Amino acid sequence: YHGENAWSTARSMRDVISVDDELQRYVPEFAIELLDLSQKTDDQLRANANLKAFLLLLKYIRREELPARLPEILSLFAAIAEQPSGLDCLKTVLIYLSSGTERINRSQLLDAVAETLQQQGERLMPTIAQQWKQEGREEGRLAGQIQLLQRLLGQPESTLDELLETPSDKLQGELDRLQLELKRRGC
């Protein structure tokens, strides 16, 4: 559990069903195991590095401290990225961060990625742009196309952060300019 408040709901069937004492023995227990991350200290979550990374992310996703804790959390995921299929795991985490919380904005996420993930971050930014595109953000689609054309034309590549902060109409103008340049070169 990683809600904003401590778990306060029943943890077994017997806690939910109210019966007379003579019938109580017929009510199944069906107890649930609960790990309430909102009540655990960070030291209690340190047992396993991979598990710790996920648990810390879940713990802070809805908290005000998320922006301050993000570099630490992402640095744990950077180690995971070196493992087989770790990069896919990291992409999933970044998509979750970009769409699963209001506690950080694009710029904060991009800064944290740049600060902690370096090479992995450069490969993951198009994934985040794709997520933003799927959420109806035209800027994500335009930014990806602009970066691709800049690469093809051998021009200095704009950062995703710069592009996503640019209004859609200006992005479209830049995309049109790059497409004309590509045609002019006969590509």
N, C-alpha and C. Protein backbone atom coordinates (compact mmCIF):
# COMPACT_ATOMS: atom_id res chain seq x y z
N TYR A 1 0.85 -1.18 0.00
CA TYR A 1 0.00 0.00 0.00
C TYR A 1 0.89 1.23 0.00
N HIS A 2 0.53 2.22 -0.82
CA HIS A 2 1.32 3.45 -0.84
C HIS A 2 0.43 4.67 -1.00
N GLY A 3 -0.69 4.67 -0.30
CA GLY A 3 -1.60 5.80 -0.34
C GLY A 3 -1.07 6.98 0.46
N GLU A 4 -1.79 8.07 0.38
CA GLU A 4 -1.35 9.28 1.08
C GLU A 4 -1.49 9.15 2.59
N ASN A 5 -2.46 8.39 3.05
CA ASN A 5 -2.70 8.22 4.49
C ASN A 5 -2.38 6.79 4.89
N ALA A 6 -2.20 6.59 6.19
CA ALA A 6 -1.94 5.24 6.69
C ALA A 6 -3.13 4.34 6.40
N TRP A 7 -2.86 3.05 6.24
CA TRP A 7 -3.91 2.05 5.99
C TRP A 7 -4.84 2.02 7.19
N SER A 8 -6.14 2.13 6.93
CA SER A 8 -7.09 2.13 8.05
C SER A 8 -8.24 1.15 7.84
N THR A 9 -8.19 0.39 6.78
CA THR A 9 -9.25 -0.56 6.45
C THR A 9 -8.94 -1.91 7.09
N ALA A 10 -9.97 -2.70 7.26
CA ALA A 10 -9.81 -4.03 7.85
C ALA A 10 -8.77 -4.84 7.10
N ARG A 11 -8.13 -5.75 7.83
CA ARG A 11 -7.10 -6.59 7.23
C ARG A 11 -7.45 -8.07 7.25
N SER A 12 -8.68 -8.38 7.62
CA SER A 12 -9.13 -9.77 7.57
C SER A 12 -10.65 -9.80 7.42
N MET A 13 -11.16 -10.92 6.96
CA MET A 13 -12.60 -11.09 6.80
C MET A 13 -13.31 -10.97 8.15
N ARG A 14 -12.69 -11.50 9.20
CA ARG A 14 -13.31 -11.43 10.54
C ARG A 14 -13.47 -10.00 11.02
N ASP A 15 -12.61 -9.11 10.55
CA ASP A 15 -12.75 -7.70 10.93
C ASP A 15 -13.91 -7.02 10.20
N VAL A 16 -14.36 -7.61 9.13
CA VAL A 16 -15.41 -7.01 8.30
C VAL A 16 -16.79 -7.55 8.67
N ILE A 17 -16.86 -8.85 8.97
CA ILE A 17 -18.15 -9.50 9.22
C ILE A 17 -18.44 -9.53 10.72
N SER A 18 -19.56 -8.98 11.07
CA SER A 18 -19.96 -8.95 12.47
C SER A 18 -21.01 -10.03 12.71
N VAL A 19 -20.67 -10.98 13.58
CA VAL A 19 -21.61 -12.06 13.93
C VAL A 19 -21.56 -12.30 15.43
N ASP A 20 -22.53 -13.02 15.92
CA ASP A 20 -22.55 -13.40 17.34
C ASP A 20 -21.33 -14.27 17.65
N ASP A 21 -20.94 -14.27 18.90
CA ASP A 21 -19.75 -15.01 19.31
C ASP A 21 -19.81 -16.50 18.94
N GLU A 22 -20.98 -17.13 19.06
CA GLU A 22 -21.07 -18.56 18.76
C GLU A 22 -20.88 -18.85 17.27
N LEU A 23 -21.06 -17.89 16.40
CA LEU A 23 -20.87 -18.08 14.96
C LEU A 23 -19.49 -17.61 14.47
N GLN A 24 -18.79 -16.90 15.31
CA GLN A 24 -17.49 -16.31 14.92
C GLN A 24 -16.53 -17.36 14.38
N ARG A 25 -16.53 -18.57 14.94
CA ARG A 25 -15.60 -19.60 14.50
C ARG A 25 -15.88 -20.07 13.07
N TYR A 26 -17.04 -19.73 12.51
CA TYR A 26 -17.38 -20.14 11.14
C TYR A 26 -17.00 -19.08 10.09
N VAL A 27 -16.60 -17.95 10.56
CA VAL A 27 -16.19 -16.89 9.63
C VAL A 27 -14.73 -17.11 9.25
N PRO A 28 -14.44 -17.26 7.96
CA PRO A 28 -13.05 -17.48 7.55
C PRO A 28 -12.19 -16.25 7.87
N GLU A 29 -10.92 -16.50 8.12
CA GLU A 29 -10.00 -15.42 8.46
C GLU A 29 -9.67 -14.56 7.25
N PHE A 30 -9.18 -15.15 6.18
CA PHE A 30 -8.77 -14.45 4.96
C PHE A 30 -7.98 -13.18 5.27
N ALA A 31 -6.97 -13.31 6.10
CA ALA A 31 -6.13 -12.16 6.44
C ALA A 31 -5.28 -11.78 5.24
N ILE A 32 -5.03 -10.49 5.09
CA ILE A 32 -4.16 -10.03 4.00
C ILE A 32 -2.83 -9.58 4.58
N GLU A 33 -1.80 -9.83 3.84
CA GLU A 33 -0.49 -9.31 4.20
C GLU A 33 -0.42 -7.87 3.69
N LEU A 34 0.04 -6.99 4.52
CA LEU A 34 0.05 -5.58 4.16
C LEU A 34 1.42 -4.98 4.44
N LEU A 35 1.96 -4.34 3.44
CA LEU A 35 3.17 -3.55 3.62
C LEU A 35 2.75 -2.11 3.38
N ASP A 36 2.60 -1.35 4.44
CA ASP A 36 2.16 0.04 4.35
C ASP A 36 3.40 0.93 4.23
N LEU A 37 3.74 1.26 2.99
CA LEU A 37 4.95 2.04 2.73
C LEU A 37 4.89 3.43 3.34
N SER A 38 3.69 3.96 3.50
CA SER A 38 3.58 5.30 4.05
C SER A 38 4.05 5.35 5.50
N GLN A 39 4.12 4.20 6.16
CA GLN A 39 4.53 4.15 7.56
C GLN A 39 5.93 3.59 7.77
N LYS A 40 6.59 3.15 6.69
CA LYS A 40 7.93 2.58 6.81
C LYS A 40 8.98 3.67 6.67
N THR A 41 10.07 3.53 7.42
CA THR A 41 11.19 4.45 7.23
C THR A 41 12.00 3.97 6.03
N ASP A 42 12.80 4.84 5.48
CA ASP A 42 13.63 4.47 4.33
C ASP A 42 14.59 3.34 4.70
N ASP A 43 15.13 3.37 5.92
CA ASP A 43 16.05 2.31 6.34
C ASP A 43 15.37 0.95 6.36
N GLN A 44 14.09 0.91 6.65
CA GLN A 44 13.37 -0.36 6.66
C GLN A 44 13.19 -0.91 5.25
N LEU A 45 13.34 -0.06 4.26
CA LEU A 45 13.15 -0.49 2.88
C LEU A 45 14.47 -0.84 2.18
N ARG A 46 15.57 -0.79 2.87
CA ARG A 46 16.89 -0.94 2.25
C ARG A 46 17.34 -2.38 2.01
N ALA A 47 16.56 -3.36 2.30
CA ALA A 47 17.01 -4.75 2.25
C ALA A 47 17.53 -5.17 0.87
N ASN A 48 16.85 -4.81 -0.19
CA ASN A 48 17.19 -5.24 -1.55
C ASN A 48 17.20 -4.00 -2.44
N ALA A 49 18.28 -3.79 -3.17
CA ALA A 49 18.41 -2.56 -3.97
C ALA A 49 17.28 -2.40 -4.98
N ASN A 50 16.95 -3.47 -5.72
CA ASN A 50 15.88 -3.37 -6.70
C ASN A 50 14.55 -3.12 -6.02
N LEU A 51 14.28 -3.89 -4.98
CA LEU A 51 13.04 -3.71 -4.25
C LEU A 51 12.98 -2.33 -3.63
N LYS A 52 14.11 -1.88 -3.10
CA LYS A 52 14.16 -0.57 -2.48
C LYS A 52 13.79 0.53 -3.48
N ALA A 53 14.32 0.43 -4.68
CA ALA A 53 14.03 1.45 -5.70
C ALA A 53 12.53 1.53 -5.96
N PHE A 54 11.91 0.39 -6.16
CA PHE A 54 10.47 0.38 -6.42
C PHE A 54 9.66 0.84 -5.22
N LEU A 55 10.05 0.38 -4.05
CA LEU A 55 9.30 0.75 -2.85
C LEU A 55 9.42 2.24 -2.56
N LEU A 56 10.62 2.80 -2.73
CA LEU A 56 10.78 4.24 -2.52
C LEU A 56 9.96 5.04 -3.53
N LEU A 57 9.93 4.58 -4.78
CA LEU A 57 9.12 5.27 -5.78
C LEU A 57 7.65 5.25 -5.37
N LEU A 58 7.17 4.09 -4.98
CA LEU A 58 5.77 4.00 -4.56
C LEU A 58 5.50 4.84 -3.32
N LYS A 59 6.45 4.86 -2.40
CA LYS A 59 6.27 5.62 -1.17
C LYS A 59 6.14 7.12 -1.45
N TYR A 60 6.97 7.66 -2.34
CA TYR A 60 7.04 9.11 -2.53
C TYR A 60 6.21 9.64 -3.70
N ILE A 61 5.60 8.79 -4.51
CA ILE A 61 4.92 9.23 -5.72
C ILE A 61 3.84 10.27 -5.43
N ARG A 62 3.22 10.22 -4.27
CA ARG A 62 2.14 11.15 -3.93
C ARG A 62 2.53 12.15 -2.86
N ARG A 63 3.80 12.25 -2.57
CA ARG A 63 4.24 13.12 -1.48
C ARG A 63 4.92 14.37 -2.02
N GLU A 64 4.87 15.40 -1.23
CA GLU A 64 5.51 16.67 -1.60
C GLU A 64 7.02 16.53 -1.75
N GLU A 65 7.63 15.57 -1.04
CA GLU A 65 9.08 15.39 -1.08
C GLU A 65 9.58 14.75 -2.37
N LEU A 66 8.69 14.32 -3.25
CA LEU A 66 9.11 13.60 -4.46
C LEU A 66 10.19 14.33 -5.25
N PRO A 67 10.05 15.61 -5.55
CA PRO A 67 11.12 16.25 -6.34
C PRO A 67 12.49 16.18 -5.67
N ALA A 68 12.53 16.32 -4.35
CA ALA A 68 13.81 16.26 -3.65
C ALA A 68 14.36 14.85 -3.60
N ARG A 69 13.50 13.84 -3.54
CA ARG A 69 13.93 12.45 -3.43
C ARG A 69 14.19 11.80 -4.78
N LEU A 70 13.72 12.42 -5.86
CA LEU A 70 13.79 11.82 -7.18
C LEU A 70 15.21 11.47 -7.63
N PRO A 71 16.21 12.33 -7.45
CA PRO A 71 17.56 11.92 -7.88
C PRO A 71 18.05 10.65 -7.18
N GLU A 72 17.79 10.52 -5.89
CA GLU A 72 18.18 9.31 -5.16
C GLU A 72 17.45 8.08 -5.71
N ILE A 73 16.16 8.22 -5.94
CA ILE A 73 15.38 7.09 -6.44
C ILE A 73 15.84 6.70 -7.83
N LEU A 74 16.05 7.69 -8.70
CA LEU A 74 16.49 7.39 -10.06
C LEU A 74 17.90 6.79 -10.09
N SER A 75 18.75 7.19 -9.15
CA SER A 75 20.09 6.61 -9.13
C SER A 75 20.02 5.12 -8.80
N LEU A 76 19.07 4.72 -7.99
CA LEU A 76 18.87 3.29 -7.73
C LEU A 76 18.41 2.58 -8.99
N PHE A 77 17.53 3.23 -9.75
CA PHE A 77 17.06 2.63 -11.00
C PHE A 77 18.16 2.61 -12.06
N ALA A 78 19.11 3.53 -11.99
CA ALA A 78 20.22 3.52 -12.94
C ALA A 78 21.02 2.24 -12.80
N ALA A 79 21.20 1.76 -11.58
CA ALA A 79 21.90 0.50 -11.36
C ALA A 79 21.10 -0.66 -11.94
N ILE A 80 19.79 -0.60 -11.82
CA ILE A 80 18.92 -1.65 -12.37
C ILE A 80 19.02 -1.65 -13.89
N ALA A 81 19.20 -0.48 -14.49
CA ALA A 81 19.23 -0.37 -15.95
C ALA A 81 20.37 -1.16 -16.56
N GLU A 82 21.42 -1.42 -15.78
CA GLU A 82 22.56 -2.20 -16.28
C GLU A 82 22.26 -3.69 -16.34
N GLN A 83 21.21 -4.13 -15.69
CA GLN A 83 20.84 -5.54 -15.66
C GLN A 83 20.04 -5.90 -16.91
N PRO A 84 19.95 -7.20 -17.25
CA PRO A 84 19.12 -7.59 -18.40
C PRO A 84 17.70 -7.09 -18.22
N SER A 85 17.14 -6.52 -19.24
CA SER A 85 15.81 -5.93 -19.29
C SER A 85 15.64 -4.76 -18.30
N GLY A 86 16.73 -4.30 -17.73
CA GLY A 86 16.66 -3.19 -16.80
C GLY A 86 16.27 -1.88 -17.44
N LEU A 87 16.70 -1.68 -18.69
CA LEU A 87 16.35 -0.45 -19.39
C LEU A 87 14.85 -0.37 -19.63
N ASP A 88 14.22 -1.50 -19.94
CA ASP A 88 12.76 -1.52 -20.09
C ASP A 88 12.08 -1.17 -18.78
N CYS A 89 12.62 -1.68 -17.70
CA CYS A 89 12.08 -1.37 -16.37
C CYS A 89 12.19 0.12 -16.10
N LEU A 90 13.32 0.69 -16.42
CA LEU A 90 13.54 2.12 -16.20
C LEU A 90 12.59 2.96 -17.06
N LYS A 91 12.36 2.54 -18.30
CA LYS A 91 11.41 3.26 -19.16
C LYS A 91 10.03 3.26 -18.52
N THR A 92 9.63 2.12 -18.00
CA THR A 92 8.32 2.02 -17.35
C THR A 92 8.23 2.97 -16.16
N VAL A 93 9.29 3.03 -15.38
CA VAL A 93 9.32 3.92 -14.22
C VAL A 93 9.18 5.37 -14.65
N LEU A 94 9.91 5.76 -15.70
CA LEU A 94 9.85 7.15 -16.15
C LEU A 94 8.47 7.50 -16.71
N ILE A 95 7.87 6.57 -17.40
CA ILE A 95 6.51 6.81 -17.89
C ILE A 95 5.55 6.96 -16.71
N TYR A 96 5.72 6.10 -15.71
CA TYR A 96 4.89 6.18 -14.50
C TYR A 96 5.06 7.54 -13.84
N LEU A 97 6.30 8.01 -13.74
CA LEU A 97 6.55 9.32 -13.14
C LEU A 97 5.96 10.45 -13.97
N SER A 98 6.02 10.32 -15.29
CA SER A 98 5.53 11.40 -16.14
C SER A 98 4.01 11.47 -16.18
N SER A 99 3.34 10.38 -15.84
CA SER A 99 1.88 10.40 -15.93
C SER A 99 1.18 10.06 -14.62
N GLY A 100 1.91 9.59 -13.61
CA GLY A 100 1.26 9.10 -12.41
C GLY A 100 1.26 10.04 -11.22
N THR A 101 1.78 11.26 -11.42
CA THR A 101 1.83 12.17 -10.28
C THR A 101 1.77 13.62 -10.75
N GLU A 102 1.24 14.46 -9.88
CA GLU A 102 1.24 15.90 -10.11
C GLU A 102 2.33 16.57 -9.27
N ARG A 103 3.11 15.78 -8.56
CA ARG A 103 4.13 16.31 -7.64
C ARG A 103 5.36 16.83 -8.36
N ILE A 104 5.57 16.40 -9.61
CA ILE A 104 6.70 16.90 -10.39
C ILE A 104 6.20 17.29 -11.77
N ASN A 105 6.90 18.23 -12.38
CA ASN A 105 6.54 18.62 -13.75
C ASN A 105 7.59 18.07 -14.71
N ARG A 106 7.38 18.29 -15.98
CA ARG A 106 8.30 17.77 -17.01
C ARG A 106 9.72 18.21 -16.77
N SER A 107 9.86 19.48 -16.48
CA SER A 107 11.20 20.03 -16.32
C SER A 107 11.93 19.39 -15.14
N GLN A 108 11.24 19.21 -14.03
CA GLN A 108 11.86 18.56 -12.87
C GLN A 108 12.25 17.12 -13.19
N LEU A 109 11.39 16.41 -13.91
CA LEU A 109 11.70 15.03 -14.27
C LEU A 109 12.91 14.99 -15.20
N LEU A 110 12.92 15.84 -16.20
CA LEU A 110 14.04 15.86 -17.14
C LEU A 110 15.34 16.23 -16.44
N ASP A 111 15.29 17.19 -15.52
CA ASP A 111 16.49 17.57 -14.77
C ASP A 111 17.00 16.41 -13.92
N ALA A 112 16.08 15.72 -13.25
CA ALA A 112 16.48 14.59 -12.41
C ALA A 112 17.07 13.47 -13.25
N VAL A 113 16.49 13.23 -14.42
CA VAL A 113 17.03 12.20 -15.31
C VAL A 113 18.42 12.59 -15.78
N ALA A 114 18.57 13.84 -16.20
CA ALA A 114 19.88 14.30 -16.68
C ALA A 114 20.92 14.20 -15.57
N GLU A 115 20.53 14.54 -14.36
CA GLU A 115 21.46 14.53 -13.23
C GLU A 115 21.89 13.12 -12.84
N THR A 116 20.98 12.17 -12.90
CA THR A 116 21.28 10.86 -12.32
C THR A 116 21.48 9.73 -13.32
N LEU A 117 20.94 9.86 -14.50
CA LEU A 117 20.98 8.72 -15.40
C LEU A 117 21.92 8.88 -16.59
N GLN A 118 22.36 10.04 -16.88
CA GLN A 118 23.28 10.35 -17.95
C GLN A 118 23.00 9.55 -19.22
N GLN A 119 23.81 8.57 -19.57
CA GLN A 119 23.64 7.88 -20.86
C GLN A 119 22.28 7.19 -20.97
N GLN A 120 21.83 6.52 -19.93
CA GLN A 120 20.52 5.87 -20.00
C GLN A 120 19.43 6.91 -20.23
N GLY A 121 19.57 8.06 -19.61
CA GLY A 121 18.56 9.11 -19.74
C GLY A 121 18.40 9.59 -21.16
N GLU A 122 19.51 9.70 -21.89
CA GLU A 122 19.44 10.14 -23.28
C GLU A 122 18.65 9.17 -24.14
N ARG A 123 18.76 7.89 -23.83
CA ARG A 123 18.03 6.89 -24.60
C ARG A 123 16.57 6.80 -24.18
N LEU A 124 16.24 7.29 -22.97
CA LEU A 124 14.88 7.16 -22.46
C LEU A 124 14.00 8.36 -22.76
N MET A 125 14.57 9.50 -23.04
CA MET A 125 13.75 10.69 -23.24
C MET A 125 12.74 10.54 -24.37
N PRO A 126 13.07 9.89 -25.50
CA PRO A 126 12.04 9.70 -26.52
C PRO A 126 10.86 8.88 -26.01
N THR A 127 11.09 7.97 -25.07
CA THR A 127 10.00 7.19 -24.49
C THR A 127 9.04 8.09 -23.73
N ILE A 128 9.59 9.03 -22.98
CA ILE A 128 8.73 9.96 -22.24
C ILE A 128 7.98 10.85 -23.22
N ALA A 129 8.67 11.32 -24.27
CA ALA A 129 7.98 12.13 -25.28
C ALA A 129 6.84 11.35 -25.90
N GLN A 130 7.05 10.07 -26.15
CA GLN A 130 5.99 9.24 -26.72
C GLN A 130 4.81 9.15 -25.75
N GLN A 131 5.08 9.02 -24.46
CA GLN A 131 4.00 8.97 -23.48
C GLN A 131 3.21 10.27 -23.49
N TRP A 132 3.92 11.39 -23.51
CA TRP A 132 3.23 12.67 -23.51
C TRP A 132 2.41 12.83 -24.78
N LYS A 133 2.92 12.32 -25.87
CA LYS A 133 2.17 12.35 -27.13
C LYS A 133 0.88 11.56 -26.99
N GLN A 134 0.95 10.37 -26.42
CA GLN A 134 -0.24 9.54 -26.25
C GLN A 134 -1.26 10.21 -25.35
N GLU A 135 -0.81 11.06 -24.47
CA GLU A 135 -1.73 11.78 -23.59
C GLU A 135 -2.33 13.00 -24.30
N GLY A 136 -2.11 13.11 -25.58
CA GLY A 136 -2.69 14.22 -26.33
C GLY A 136 -1.78 15.42 -26.45
N ARG A 137 -0.54 15.26 -26.13
CA ARG A 137 0.39 16.39 -26.21
C ARG A 137 1.06 16.36 -27.57
N GLU A 138 0.61 17.20 -28.42
CA GLU A 138 1.16 17.32 -29.77
C GLU A 138 2.65 17.64 -29.72
N GLU A 139 3.07 18.35 -28.68
CA GLU A 139 4.48 18.74 -28.58
C GLU A 139 5.40 17.52 -28.58
N GLY A 140 4.98 16.44 -27.96
CA GLY A 140 5.81 15.24 -27.91
C GLY A 140 6.09 14.69 -29.29
N ARG A 141 5.05 14.64 -30.12
CA ARG A 141 5.21 14.15 -31.49
C ARG A 141 6.11 15.08 -32.29
N LEU A 142 5.85 16.36 -32.21
CA LEU A 142 6.64 17.33 -32.96
C LEU A 142 8.10 17.32 -32.50
N ALA A 143 8.32 17.24 -31.19
CA ALA A 143 9.68 17.24 -30.65
C ALA A 143 10.46 16.04 -31.17
N GLY A 144 9.85 14.88 -31.16
CA GLY A 144 10.52 13.68 -31.66
C GLY A 144 10.88 13.80 -33.13
N GLN A 145 9.96 14.35 -33.94
CA GLN A 145 10.24 14.51 -35.37
C GLN A 145 11.35 15.52 -35.60
N ILE A 146 11.34 16.60 -34.84
CA ILE A 146 12.38 17.62 -34.99
C ILE A 146 13.75 17.03 -34.64
N GLN A 147 13.83 16.29 -33.53
CA GLN A 147 15.11 15.69 -33.15
C GLN A 147 15.61 14.73 -34.23
N LEU A 148 14.70 13.95 -34.78
CA LEU A 148 15.09 12.99 -35.82
C LEU A 148 15.62 13.72 -37.05
N LEU A 149 14.91 14.75 -37.50
CA LEU A 149 15.37 15.50 -38.68
C LEU A 149 16.69 16.21 -38.41
N GLN A 150 16.86 16.76 -37.24
CA GLN A 150 18.13 17.40 -36.90
C GLN A 150 19.27 16.39 -36.98
N ARG A 151 19.02 15.18 -36.48
CA ARG A 151 20.03 14.12 -36.53
C ARG A 151 20.36 13.76 -37.98
N LEU A 152 19.30 13.58 -38.80
CA LEU A 152 19.49 13.21 -40.20
C LEU A 152 20.25 14.29 -40.98
N LEU A 153 20.00 15.53 -40.64
CA LEU A 153 20.63 16.65 -41.33
C LEU A 153 22.01 16.99 -40.75
N GLY A 154 22.40 16.31 -39.68
CA GLY A 154 23.70 16.57 -39.07
C GLY A 154 23.76 17.90 -38.34
N GLN A 155 22.62 18.40 -37.92
CA GLN A 155 22.55 19.66 -37.20
C GLN A 155 22.63 19.39 -35.69
N PRO A 156 23.01 20.40 -34.93
CA PRO A 156 22.99 20.23 -33.47
C PRO A 156 21.56 19.89 -33.03
N GLU A 157 21.46 18.87 -32.21
CA GLU A 157 20.14 18.40 -31.80
C GLU A 157 19.63 19.20 -30.61
N SER A 158 18.42 19.71 -30.73
CA SER A 158 17.78 20.41 -29.62
C SER A 158 17.49 19.42 -28.51
N THR A 159 17.54 19.92 -27.28
CA THR A 159 17.20 19.03 -26.18
C THR A 159 15.69 18.87 -26.12
N LEU A 160 15.26 17.75 -25.61
CA LEU A 160 13.84 17.50 -25.47
C LEU A 160 13.20 18.54 -24.56
N ASP A 161 13.93 18.93 -23.52
CA ASP A 161 13.42 19.94 -22.59
C ASP A 161 13.13 21.25 -23.32
N GLU A 162 14.09 21.69 -24.16
CA GLU A 162 13.89 22.93 -24.93
C GLU A 162 12.67 22.82 -25.83
N LEU A 163 12.58 21.70 -26.52
CA LEU A 163 11.49 21.52 -27.48
C LEU A 163 10.13 21.46 -26.80
N LEU A 164 10.06 20.77 -25.67
CA LEU A 164 8.77 20.62 -25.00
C LEU A 164 8.31 21.91 -24.31
N GLU A 165 9.22 22.84 -24.13
CA GLU A 165 8.84 24.13 -23.56
C GLU A 165 8.44 25.13 -24.65
N THR A 166 8.56 24.73 -25.92
CA THR A 166 8.25 25.60 -27.05
C THR A 166 6.79 25.41 -27.45
N PRO A 167 6.07 26.49 -27.75
CA PRO A 167 4.66 26.36 -28.18
C PRO A 167 4.53 25.53 -29.46
N SER A 168 3.40 24.85 -29.60
CA SER A 168 3.16 23.95 -30.73
C SER A 168 3.33 24.63 -32.08
N ASP A 169 2.84 25.86 -32.22
CA ASP A 169 2.93 26.53 -33.52
C ASP A 169 4.38 26.79 -33.92
N LYS A 170 5.24 27.11 -32.96
CA LYS A 170 6.66 27.32 -33.26
C LYS A 170 7.35 25.99 -33.57
N LEU A 171 6.95 24.93 -32.86
CA LEU A 171 7.49 23.61 -33.16
C LEU A 171 7.12 23.20 -34.58
N GLN A 172 5.87 23.44 -34.95
CA GLN A 172 5.42 23.09 -36.30
C GLN A 172 6.22 23.88 -37.34
N GLY A 173 6.48 25.16 -37.07
CA GLY A 173 7.29 25.97 -37.99
C GLY A 173 8.70 25.42 -38.14
N GLU A 174 9.31 25.00 -37.04
CA GLU A 174 10.65 24.42 -37.09
C GLU A 174 10.64 23.09 -37.83
N LEU A 175 9.61 22.29 -37.61
CA LEU A 175 9.49 21.02 -38.32
C LEU A 175 9.36 21.26 -39.82
N ASP A 176 8.54 22.22 -40.22
CA ASP A 176 8.37 22.56 -41.63
C ASP A 176 9.70 23.00 -42.24
N ARG A 177 10.45 23.85 -41.51
CA ARG A 177 11.74 24.33 -41.99
C ARG A 177 12.71 23.17 -42.21
N LEU A 178 12.76 22.23 -41.24
CA LEU A 178 13.66 21.08 -41.36
C LEU A 178 13.25 20.16 -42.50
N GLN A 179 11.95 19.98 -42.71
CA GLN A 179 11.48 19.14 -43.81
C GLN A 179 11.87 19.75 -45.16
N LEU A 180 11.75 21.08 -45.27
CA LEU A 180 12.18 21.76 -46.50
C LEU A 180 13.68 21.59 -46.73
N GLU A 181 14.45 21.70 -45.68
CA GLU A 181 15.90 21.52 -45.77
C GLU A 181 16.23 20.10 -46.22
N LEU A 182 15.53 19.13 -45.70
CA LEU A 182 15.73 17.74 -46.09
C LEU A 182 15.42 17.55 -47.57
N LYS A 183 14.33 18.14 -48.04
CA LYS A 183 13.96 18.04 -49.47
C LYS A 183 14.99 18.75 -50.32
N ARG A 184 15.45 19.92 -49.89
CA ARG A 184 16.45 20.69 -50.63
C ARG A 184 17.72 19.89 -50.84
N ARG A 185 18.09 19.10 -49.84
CA ARG A 185 19.30 18.28 -49.94
C ARG A 185 19.05 17.00 -50.74
N GLY A 186 17.79 16.78 -51.14
CA GLY A 186 17.47 15.61 -51.94
C GLY A 186 17.41 14.31 -51.18
N CYS A 187 17.12 14.39 -49.91
CA CYS A 187 17.03 13.18 -49.09
C CYS A 187 15.62 12.62 -49.10
